[in-house]
Amino acid sequence: TTKAARVIEALFETLMSDTQLLPPQFREAA
């Protein structure tokens, strides 16, 4: 559970800081 929370948090922070990492449809929606 702790590992999963860390992975999700890191993914969220990374994708929030650079939406170019998202697939095109999600980047456009963001």
PDB file of all heavy atoms in Angstrom:
ATOM      1  N   THR A   1       0.827  -1.201   0.000  1.00  0.00           N
ATOM      2  CA  THR A   1       0.000   0.000   0.000  1.00  0.00           C
ATOM      3  C   THR A   1       0.863   1.253   0.000  1.00  0.00           C
ATOM      4  O   THR A   1       0.590   2.209  -0.729  1.00  0.00           O
ATOM      5  CB  THR A   1      -0.947  -0.001   1.219  1.00  0.00           C
ATOM      6  OG1 THR A   1      -1.737  -1.192   1.173  1.00  0.00           O
ATOM      7  CG2 THR A   1      -1.841   1.217   1.248  1.00  0.00           C
ATOM      8  N   THR A   2       1.915   1.237   0.795  1.00  0.00           N
ATOM      9  CA  THR A   2       2.833   2.374   0.855  1.00  0.00           C
ATOM     10  C   THR A   2       3.534   2.580  -0.479  1.00  0.00           C
ATOM     11  O   THR A   2       3.645   3.702  -0.982  1.00  0.00           O
ATOM     12  CB  THR A   2       3.859   2.175   1.981  1.00  0.00           C
ATOM     13  OG1 THR A   2       3.160   2.054   3.219  1.00  0.00           O
ATOM     14  CG2 THR A   2       4.835   3.328   2.063  1.00  0.00           C
ATOM     15  N   LYS A   3       3.991   1.484  -1.090  1.00  0.00           N
ATOM     16  CA  LYS A   3       4.650   1.579  -2.393  1.00  0.00           C
ATOM     17  C   LYS A   3       3.680   2.121  -3.440  1.00  0.00           C
ATOM     18  O   LYS A   3       4.029   3.001  -4.226  1.00  0.00           O
ATOM     19  CB  LYS A   3       5.166   0.213  -2.832  1.00  0.00           C
ATOM     20  CG  LYS A   3       5.856   0.249  -4.180  1.00  0.00           C
ATOM     21  CD  LYS A   3       6.355  -1.117  -4.595  1.00  0.00           C
ATOM     22  CE  LYS A   3       7.020  -1.054  -5.968  1.00  0.00           C
ATOM     23  NZ  LYS A   3       7.500  -2.358  -6.422  1.00  0.00           N
ATOM     24  N   ALA A   4       2.449   1.618  -3.439  1.00  0.00           N
ATOM     25  CA  ALA A   4       1.448   2.078  -4.404  1.00  0.00           C
ATOM     26  C   ALA A   4       1.189   3.578  -4.240  1.00  0.00           C
ATOM     27  O   ALA A   4       1.103   4.307  -5.232  1.00  0.00           O
ATOM     28  CB  ALA A   4       0.158   1.290  -4.242  1.00  0.00           C
ATOM     29  N   ALA A   5       1.078   4.036  -3.013  1.00  0.00           N
ATOM     30  CA  ALA A   5       0.841   5.460  -2.766  1.00  0.00           C
ATOM     31  C   ALA A   5       2.003   6.299  -3.284  1.00  0.00           C
ATOM     32  O   ALA A   5       1.793   7.363  -3.888  1.00  0.00           O
ATOM     33  CB  ALA A   5       0.624   5.704  -1.276  1.00  0.00           C
ATOM     34  N   ARG A   6       3.225   5.825  -3.085  1.00  0.00           N
ATOM     35  CA  ARG A   6       4.399   6.560  -3.572  1.00  0.00           C
ATOM     36  C   ARG A   6       4.420   6.610  -5.100  1.00  0.00           C
ATOM     37  O   ARG A   6       4.750   7.634  -5.691  1.00  0.00           O
ATOM     38  CB  ARG A   6       5.676   5.923  -3.050  1.00  0.00           C
ATOM     39  CG  ARG A   6       5.899   6.178  -1.584  1.00  0.00           C
ATOM     40  CD  ARG A   6       7.191   5.563  -1.105  1.00  0.00           C
ATOM     41  NE  ARG A   6       7.332   5.757   0.321  1.00  0.00           N
ATOM     42  CZ  ARG A   6       8.001   4.958   1.114  1.00  0.00           C
ATOM     43  NH1 ARG A   6       8.623   3.895   0.623  1.00  0.00           N
ATOM     44  NH2 ARG A   6       8.079   5.202   2.402  1.00  0.00           N
ATOM     45  N   VAL A   7       4.092   5.499  -5.737  1.00  0.00           N
ATOM     46  CA  VAL A   7       4.077   5.448  -7.202  1.00  0.00           C
ATOM     47  C   VAL A   7       3.021   6.412  -7.741  1.00  0.00           C
ATOM     48  O   VAL A   7       3.292   7.199  -8.655  1.00  0.00           O
ATOM     49  CB  VAL A   7       3.824   4.003  -7.704  1.00  0.00           C
ATOM     50  CG1 VAL A   7       3.473   3.973  -9.176  1.00  0.00           C
ATOM     51  CG2 VAL A   7       5.046   3.127  -7.421  1.00  0.00           C
ATOM     52  N   ILE A   8       1.828   6.371  -7.181  1.00  0.00           N
ATOM     53  CA  ILE A   8       0.744   7.249  -7.651  1.00  0.00           C
ATOM     54  C   ILE A   8       1.097   8.713  -7.422  1.00  0.00           C
ATOM     55  O   ILE A   8       0.900   9.560  -8.301  1.00  0.00           O
ATOM     56  CB  ILE A   8      -0.584   6.872  -6.965  1.00  0.00           C
ATOM     57  CG1 ILE A   8      -1.049   5.508  -7.481  1.00  0.00           C
ATOM     58  CG2 ILE A   8      -1.644   7.942  -7.202  1.00  0.00           C
ATOM     59  CD1 ILE A   8      -2.182   4.909  -6.705  1.00  0.00           C
ATOM     60  N   GLU A   9       1.637   9.010  -6.265  1.00  0.00           N
ATOM     61  CA  GLU A   9       2.022  10.391  -5.964  1.00  0.00           C
ATOM     62  C   GLU A   9       3.095  10.877  -6.936  1.00  0.00           C
ATOM     63  O   GLU A   9       3.001  11.988  -7.469  1.00  0.00           O
ATOM     64  CB  GLU A   9       2.523  10.488  -4.525  1.00  0.00           C
ATOM     65  CG  GLU A   9       2.863  11.897  -4.091  1.00  0.00           C
ATOM     66  CD  GLU A   9       3.298  11.970  -2.639  1.00  0.00           C
ATOM     67  OE1 GLU A   9       2.831  11.147  -1.833  1.00  0.00           O
ATOM     68  OE2 GLU A   9       4.104  12.859  -2.322  1.00  0.00           O
ATOM     69  N   ALA A  10       4.098  10.056  -7.202  1.00  0.00           N
ATOM     70  CA  ALA A  10       5.166  10.443  -8.123  1.00  0.00           C
ATOM     71  C   ALA A  10       4.637  10.626  -9.544  1.00  0.00           C
ATOM     72  O   ALA A  10       5.013  11.581 -10.241  1.00  0.00           O
ATOM     73  CB  ALA A  10       6.292   9.405  -8.095  1.00  0.00           C
ATOM     74  N   LEU A  11       3.767   9.720  -9.976  1.00  0.00           N
ATOM     75  CA  LEU A  11       3.161   9.862 -11.304  1.00  0.00           C
ATOM     76  C   LEU A  11       2.359  11.155 -11.395  1.00  0.00           C
ATOM     77  O   LEU A  11       2.454  11.890 -12.378  1.00  0.00           O
ATOM     78  CB  LEU A  11       2.272   8.667 -11.626  1.00  0.00           C
ATOM     79  CG  LEU A  11       2.967   7.382 -12.039  1.00  0.00           C
ATOM     80  CD1 LEU A  11       1.950   6.237 -12.126  1.00  0.00           C
ATOM     81  CD2 LEU A  11       3.698   7.551 -13.363  1.00  0.00           C
ATOM     82  N   PHE A  12       1.563  11.414 -10.373  1.00  0.00           N
ATOM     83  CA  PHE A  12       0.731  12.621 -10.373  1.00  0.00           C
ATOM     84  C   PHE A  12       1.598  13.878 -10.454  1.00  0.00           C
ATOM     85  O   PHE A  12       1.358  14.753 -11.291  1.00  0.00           O
ATOM     86  CB  PHE A  12      -0.155  12.655  -9.128  1.00  0.00           C
ATOM     87  CG  PHE A  12      -1.094  13.829  -9.106  1.00  0.00           C
ATOM     88  CD1 PHE A  12      -2.274  13.799  -9.823  1.00  0.00           C
ATOM     89  CD2 PHE A  12      -0.787  14.964  -8.376  1.00  0.00           C
ATOM     90  CE1 PHE A  12      -3.138  14.887  -9.824  1.00  0.00           C
ATOM     91  CE2 PHE A  12      -1.642  16.052  -8.361  1.00  0.00           C
ATOM     92  CZ  PHE A  12      -2.821  16.009  -9.085  1.00  0.00           C
ATOM     93  N   GLU A  13       2.620  13.962  -9.617  1.00  0.00           N
ATOM     94  CA  GLU A  13       3.489  15.140  -9.610  1.00  0.00           C
ATOM     95  C   GLU A  13       4.197  15.309 -10.949  1.00  0.00           C
ATOM     96  O   GLU A  13       4.283  16.419 -11.487  1.00  0.00           O
ATOM     97  CB  GLU A  13       4.513  15.036  -8.485  1.00  0.00           C
ATOM     98  CG  GLU A  13       3.908  15.214  -7.111  1.00  0.00           C
ATOM     99  CD  GLU A  13       4.914  14.970  -5.989  1.00  0.00           C
ATOM    100  OE1 GLU A  13       6.104  14.717  -6.282  1.00  0.00           O
ATOM    101  OE2 GLU A  13       4.490  15.031  -4.821  1.00  0.00           O
ATOM    102  N   THR A  14       4.679  14.204 -11.511  1.00  0.00           N
ATOM    103  CA  THR A  14       5.391  14.260 -12.789  1.00  0.00           C
ATOM    104  C   THR A  14       4.472  14.699 -13.913  1.00  0.00           C
ATOM    105  O   THR A  14       4.822  15.577 -14.716  1.00  0.00           O
ATOM    106  CB  THR A  14       6.008  12.881 -13.105  1.00  0.00           C
ATOM    107  OG1 THR A  14       6.916  12.537 -12.056  1.00  0.00           O
ATOM    108  CG2 THR A  14       6.736  12.893 -14.430  1.00  0.00           C
ATOM    109  N   LEU A  15       3.286  14.108 -14.003  1.00  0.00           N
ATOM    110  CA  LEU A  15       2.356  14.438 -15.077  1.00  0.00           C
ATOM    111  C   LEU A  15       1.756  15.836 -14.908  1.00  0.00           C
ATOM    112  O   LEU A  15       1.456  16.512 -15.901  1.00  0.00           O
ATOM    113  CB  LEU A  15       1.269  13.378 -15.184  1.00  0.00           C
ATOM    114  CG  LEU A  15       1.782  11.986 -15.570  1.00  0.00           C
ATOM    115  CD1 LEU A  15       0.673  10.950 -15.436  1.00  0.00           C
ATOM    116  CD2 LEU A  15       2.364  11.988 -16.971  1.00  0.00           C
ATOM    117  N   MET A  16       1.586  16.273 -13.680  1.00  0.00           N
ATOM    118  CA  MET A  16       1.100  17.635 -13.441  1.00  0.00           C
ATOM    119  C   MET A  16       2.138  18.655 -13.877  1.00  0.00           C
ATOM    120  O   MET A  16       1.796  19.703 -14.406  1.00  0.00           O
ATOM    121  CB  MET A  16       0.766  17.848 -11.956  1.00  0.00           C
ATOM    122  CG  MET A  16      -0.579  17.345 -11.529  1.00  0.00           C
ATOM    123  SD  MET A  16      -1.964  18.224 -12.285  1.00  0.00           S
ATOM    124  CE  MET A  16      -1.859  19.829 -11.507  1.00  0.00           C
ATOM    125  N   SER A  17       3.406  18.347 -13.652  1.00  0.00           N
ATOM    126  CA  SER A  17       4.449  19.316 -13.982  1.00  0.00           C
ATOM    127  C   SER A  17       4.768  19.350 -15.475  1.00  0.00           C
ATOM    128  O   SER A  17       5.303  20.332 -15.967  1.00  0.00           O
ATOM    129  CB  SER A  17       5.717  19.037 -13.177  1.00  0.00           C
ATOM    130  OG  SER A  17       6.297  17.818 -13.583  1.00  0.00           O
ATOM    131  N   ASP A  18       4.442  18.269 -16.206  1.00  0.00           N
ATOM    132  CA  ASP A  18       4.724  18.234 -17.638  1.00  0.00           C
ATOM    133  C   ASP A  18       3.633  17.438 -18.356  1.00  0.00           C
ATOM    134  O   ASP A  18       3.734  16.223 -18.521  1.00  0.00           O
ATOM    135  CB  ASP A  18       6.094  17.607 -17.887  1.00  0.00           C
ATOM    136  CG  ASP A  18       6.523  17.667 -19.340  1.00  0.00           C
ATOM    137  OD1 ASP A  18       5.740  18.162 -20.187  1.00  0.00           O
ATOM    138  OD2 ASP A  18       7.640  17.213 -19.636  1.00  0.00           O
ATOM    139  N   THR A  19       2.605  18.130 -18.799  1.00  0.00           N
ATOM    140  CA  THR A  19       1.491  17.449 -19.466  1.00  0.00           C
ATOM    141  C   THR A  19       1.878  16.891 -20.830  1.00  0.00           C
ATOM    142  O   THR A  19       1.129  16.104 -21.406  1.00  0.00           O
ATOM    143  CB  THR A  19       0.273  18.386 -19.615  1.00  0.00           C
ATOM    144  OG1 THR A  19       0.668  19.549 -20.346  1.00  0.00           O
ATOM    145  CG2 THR A  19      -0.293  18.758 -18.260  1.00  0.00           C
ATOM    146  N   GLN A  20       3.054  17.266 -21.343  1.00  0.00           N
ATOM    147  CA  GLN A  20       3.523  16.697 -22.612  1.00  0.00           C
ATOM    148  C   GLN A  20       3.802  15.209 -22.475  1.00  0.00           C
ATOM    149  O   GLN A  20       3.909  14.494 -23.480  1.00  0.00           O
ATOM    150  CB  GLN A  20       4.791  17.424 -23.092  1.00  0.00           C
ATOM    151  CG  GLN A  20       4.548  18.875 -23.470  1.00  0.00           C
ATOM    152  CD  GLN A  20       3.577  19.004 -24.630  1.00  0.00           C
ATOM    153  OE1 GLN A  20       3.738  18.359 -25.658  1.00  0.00           O
ATOM    154  NE2 GLN A  20       2.564  19.832 -24.459  1.00  0.00           N
ATOM    155  N   LEU A  21       3.897  14.712 -21.261  1.00  0.00           N
ATOM    156  CA  LEU A  21       4.113  13.285 -21.014  1.00  0.00           C
ATOM    157  C   LEU A  21       2.831  12.475 -21.125  1.00  0.00           C
ATOM    158  O   LEU A  21       2.879  11.248 -21.178  1.00  0.00           O
ATOM    159  CB  LEU A  21       4.741  13.080 -19.627  1.00  0.00           C
ATOM    160  CG  LEU A  21       6.126  13.703 -19.428  1.00  0.00           C
ATOM    161  CD1 LEU A  21       6.526  13.628 -17.957  1.00  0.00           C
ATOM    162  CD2 LEU A  21       7.151  13.025 -20.313  1.00  0.00           C
ATOM    163  N   LEU A  22       1.691  13.157 -21.154  1.00  0.00           N
ATOM    164  CA  LEU A  22       0.399  12.477 -21.268  1.00  0.00           C
ATOM    165  C   LEU A  22       0.140  12.064 -22.716  1.00  0.00           C
ATOM    166  O   LEU A  22       0.610  12.734 -23.648  1.00  0.00           O
ATOM    167  CB  LEU A  22      -0.724  13.405 -20.816  1.00  0.00           C
ATOM    168  CG  LEU A  22      -0.817  13.724 -19.334  1.00  0.00           C
ATOM    169  CD1 LEU A  22      -1.739  14.925 -19.107  1.00  0.00           C
ATOM    170  CD2 LEU A  22      -1.307  12.520 -18.558  1.00  0.00           C
ATOM    171  N   PRO A  23      -0.632  11.005 -22.915  1.00  0.00           N
ATOM    172  CA  PRO A  23      -1.070  10.678 -24.280  1.00  0.00           C
ATOM    173  C   PRO A  23      -1.844  11.867 -24.856  1.00  0.00           C
ATOM    174  O   PRO A  23      -2.458  12.643 -24.105  1.00  0.00           O
ATOM    175  CB  PRO A  23      -1.992   9.468 -24.089  1.00  0.00           C
ATOM    176  CG  PRO A  23      -1.602   8.889 -22.777  1.00  0.00           C
ATOM    177  CD  PRO A  23      -1.140  10.037 -21.940  1.00  0.00           C
ATOM    178  N   PRO A  24      -1.835  12.025 -26.188  1.00  0.00           N
ATOM    179  CA  PRO A  24      -2.440  13.220 -26.809  1.00  0.00           C
ATOM    180  C   PRO A  24      -3.852  13.557 -26.336  1.00  0.00           C
ATOM    181  O   PRO A  24      -4.137  14.721 -26.032  1.00  0.00           O
ATOM    182  CB  PRO A  24      -2.418  12.888 -28.305  1.00  0.00           C
ATOM    183  CG  PRO A  24      -1.290  11.919 -28.450  1.00  0.00           C
ATOM    184  CD  PRO A  24      -1.252  11.129 -27.175  1.00  0.00           C
ATOM    185  N   GLN A  25      -4.750  12.565 -26.266  1.00  0.00           N
ATOM    186  CA  GLN A  25      -6.127  12.890 -25.883  1.00  0.00           C
ATOM    187  C   GLN A  25      -6.213  13.400 -24.447  1.00  0.00           C
ATOM    188  O   GLN A  25      -7.020  14.284 -24.141  1.00  0.00           O
ATOM    189  CB  GLN A  25      -7.078  11.700 -26.113  1.00  0.00           C
ATOM    190  CG  GLN A  25      -6.868  10.523 -25.204  1.00  0.00           C
ATOM    191  CD  GLN A  25      -5.842   9.498 -25.701  1.00  0.00           C
ATOM    192  OE1 GLN A  25      -4.952   9.807 -26.485  1.00  0.00           O
ATOM    193  NE2 GLN A  25      -5.970   8.270 -25.249  1.00  0.00           N
ATOM    194  N   PHE A  26      -5.371  12.901 -23.551  1.00  0.00           N
ATOM    195  CA  PHE A  26      -5.380  13.380 -22.171  1.00  0.00           C
ATOM    196  C   PHE A  26      -4.687  14.734 -22.067  1.00  0.00           C
ATOM    197  O   PHE A  26      -5.099  15.588 -21.290  1.00  0.00           O
ATOM    198  CB  PHE A  26      -4.734  12.349 -21.241  1.00  0.00           C
ATOM    199  CG  PHE A  26      -5.612  11.185 -20.956  1.00  0.00           C
ATOM    200  CD1 PHE A  26      -5.513  10.024 -21.702  1.00  0.00           C
ATOM    201  CD2 PHE A  26      -6.558  11.233 -19.950  1.00  0.00           C
ATOM    202  CE1 PHE A  26      -6.339   8.943 -21.461  1.00  0.00           C
ATOM    203  CE2 PHE A  26      -7.393  10.165 -19.688  1.00  0.00           C
ATOM    204  CZ  PHE A  26      -7.284   9.012 -20.453  1.00  0.00           C
ATOM    205  N   ARG A  27      -3.635  14.925 -22.845  1.00  0.00           N
ATOM    206  CA  ARG A  27      -2.950  16.220 -22.859  1.00  0.00           C
ATOM    207  C   ARG A  27      -3.920  17.309 -23.325  1.00  0.00           C
ATOM    208  O   ARG A  27      -4.025  18.366 -22.706  1.00  0.00           O
ATOM    209  CB  ARG A  27      -1.721  16.165 -23.755  1.00  0.00           C
ATOM    210  CG  ARG A  27      -0.947  17.467 -23.783  1.00  0.00           C
ATOM    211  CD  ARG A  27       0.318  17.415 -24.602  1.00  0.00           C
ATOM    212  NE  ARG A  27       0.061  16.970 -25.960  1.00  0.00           N
ATOM    213  CZ  ARG A  27       0.525  15.821 -26.485  1.00  0.00           C
ATOM    214  NH1 ARG A  27       1.252  15.006 -25.751  1.00  0.00           N
ATOM    215  NH2 ARG A  27       0.261  15.501 -27.741  1.00  0.00           N
ATOM    216  N   GLU A  28      -4.649  17.040 -24.386  1.00  0.00           N
ATOM    217  CA  GLU A  28      -5.620  18.020 -24.894  1.00  0.00           C
ATOM    218  C   GLU A  28      -6.722  18.283 -23.874  1.00  0.00           C
ATOM    219  O   GLU A  28      -7.128  19.436 -23.662  1.00  0.00           O
ATOM    220  CB  GLU A  28      -6.212  17.521 -26.209  1.00  0.00           C
ATOM    221  CG  GLU A  28      -5.203  17.493 -27.346  1.00  0.00           C
ATOM    222  CD  GLU A  28      -5.666  16.682 -28.552  1.00  0.00           C
ATOM    223  OE1 GLU A  28      -6.852  16.267 -28.587  1.00  0.00           O
ATOM    224  OE2 GLU A  28      -4.836  16.456 -29.446  1.00  0.00           O
ATOM    225  N   ALA A  29      -7.191  17.229 -23.243  1.00  0.00           N
ATOM    226  CA  ALA A  29      -8.231  17.395 -22.215  1.00  0.00           C
ATOM    227  C   ALA A  29      -7.696  18.192 -21.033  1.00  0.00           C
ATOM    228  O   ALA A  29      -8.399  19.052 -20.482  1.00  0.00           O
ATOM    229  CB  ALA A  29      -8.734  16.031 -21.751  1.00  0.00           C
ATOM    230  N   ALA A  30      -6.451  17.925 -20.643  1.00  0.00           N
ATOM    231  CA  ALA A  30      -5.847  18.648 -19.517  1.00  0.00           C
ATOM    232  C   ALA A  30      -5.719  20.131 -19.848  1.00  0.00           C
ATOM    233  O   ALA A  30      -6.011  20.991 -19.003  1.00  0.00           O
ATOM    234  CB  ALA A  30      -4.487  18.050 -19.177  1.00  0.00           C
TER     235      ALA A  30
END
